[in-house]
Protein backbone atom coordinates (compact mmCIF):
# COMPACT_ATOMS: atom_id res chain seq x y z
CA MET A 1 -32.52 174.36 -90.24
CA LYS A 2 -28.81 172.98 -89.14
CA ASN A 3 -26.47 174.42 -87.12
CA LYS A 4 -23.38 175.54 -89.74
CA ILE A 5 -20.49 174.46 -88.80
CA GLU A 6 -17.61 177.20 -89.50
CA ALA A 7 -13.65 177.12 -89.20
CA LEU A 8 -12.08 177.75 -85.91
CA ALA A 9 -10.53 181.86 -86.11
CA GLU A 10 -7.18 182.17 -86.08
CA LYS A 11 -5.25 183.44 -83.15
CA LEU A 12 -4.38 186.72 -82.83
CA ILE A 13 -1.63 188.24 -83.70
CA ILE A 14 -0.62 190.88 -80.85
CA ASN A 15 1.00 194.37 -82.41
CA GLU A 16 4.72 194.57 -81.40
CA VAL A 17 5.61 197.30 -79.04
CA LEU A 18 7.17 200.48 -80.50
CA GLU A 19 10.36 201.46 -78.48
CA LYS A 20 11.41 204.71 -80.55
CA SER A 21 9.84 207.26 -81.75
CA TRP A 22 9.75 207.61 -85.58
CA THR A 23 10.90 204.34 -86.92
CA HIS A 24 7.26 204.06 -87.56
CA GLN A 25 5.11 206.45 -89.61
CA ILE A 26 1.81 206.87 -91.56
CA VAL A 27 1.41 209.03 -94.16
CA ASN A 28 -1.32 210.68 -96.06
CA PHE A 29 -2.46 213.64 -97.97
CA ILE A 30 -5.49 216.14 -97.16
CA THR A 31 -6.77 217.17 -100.70
CA LYS A 32 -9.24 219.65 -102.44
CA LEU A 33 -8.18 222.69 -100.73
CA LEU A 34 -8.54 225.63 -101.79
CA LEU A 35 -4.86 226.83 -104.33
CA VAL A 36 -2.87 229.07 -102.00
CA VAL A 37 1.09 229.60 -103.50
CA GLU A 38 0.57 227.16 -105.73
CA LYS A 39 -0.30 224.88 -103.01
CA ASN A 40 -3.78 222.58 -102.61
CA THR A 41 -2.63 219.79 -100.70
CA ILE A 42 -0.85 218.89 -97.36
CA LEU A 43 1.21 215.76 -96.91
CA VAL A 44 0.23 214.28 -93.27
CA VAL A 45 2.99 212.24 -91.35
CA CYS A 46 2.19 211.04 -88.35
CA ASP A 47 4.59 209.13 -85.58
CA ARG A 48 2.99 205.63 -84.82
CA LEU A 49 4.21 206.51 -80.98
CA SER A 50 4.63 209.94 -80.47
CA LYS A 51 1.52 210.60 -82.20
CA ILE A 52 3.73 213.83 -83.59
CA ALA A 53 2.62 215.18 -87.11
CA TYR A 54 4.32 217.22 -89.26
CA PHE A 55 1.93 218.88 -91.99
CA VAL A 56 3.98 219.68 -95.52
CA THR A 57 2.59 221.68 -98.43
CA THR A 58 2.50 220.62 -101.79
CA THR A 59 0.03 220.29 -104.69
CA LYS A 60 -2.10 217.09 -105.79
CA GLU A 61 -0.23 216.60 -108.83
CA THR A 62 2.77 214.87 -107.03
CA SER A 63 5.00 212.37 -108.22
CA ALA A 64 6.54 209.00 -106.50
CA LYS A 65 9.92 211.70 -106.99
CA GLY A 66 8.25 214.84 -105.53
CA LEU A 67 7.43 212.52 -102.16
CA ALA A 68 10.53 211.36 -101.96
CA ARG A 69 11.98 215.08 -102.01
CA LEU A 70 9.18 216.00 -99.63
CA PHE A 71 10.15 213.31 -97.12
CA LYS A 72 13.74 214.27 -97.38
CA ASN A 73 13.87 217.68 -96.81
CA ASN A 74 10.97 217.94 -94.24
CA VAL A 75 11.25 214.31 -92.05
CA TRP A 76 13.98 212.02 -92.77
CA LYS A 77 16.67 215.57 -92.31
CA LEU A 78 15.41 215.17 -88.49
CA TYR A 79 14.69 211.53 -88.22
CA GLU A 80 16.61 208.34 -89.10
CA LEU A 81 15.13 206.39 -92.47
CA PRO A 82 12.04 204.93 -91.17
CA GLU A 83 11.37 200.84 -91.00
CA SER A 84 8.06 201.35 -92.09
CA VAL A 85 5.66 204.12 -93.69
CA ILE A 86 1.75 203.30 -93.96
CA LEU A 87 0.72 204.95 -97.02
CA ASP A 88 -3.05 205.73 -97.91
CA LYS A 89 -2.90 207.66 -101.03
CA GLY A 90 -5.71 205.67 -102.92
CA LEU A 91 -6.67 206.08 -106.33
């Protein structure tokens, strides 16, 4: 058996050091919950630096416009508009 020649790996990219809270956020949904007061989903918004999270109740059928309204009314009114938002909603 001959040795395989593999391509050299690229240099690692170091993550930037965050300096200010709430400039980079991670967003996800907790779904398939019991229906309580017509809400069955929780929107989780987490700050990447401080790891502080906000939990907002909503419904599974929330549209993109509704999601923007939830952000505006619950997170962005407390902090300025973030530089990046990572959303992992799935299918």
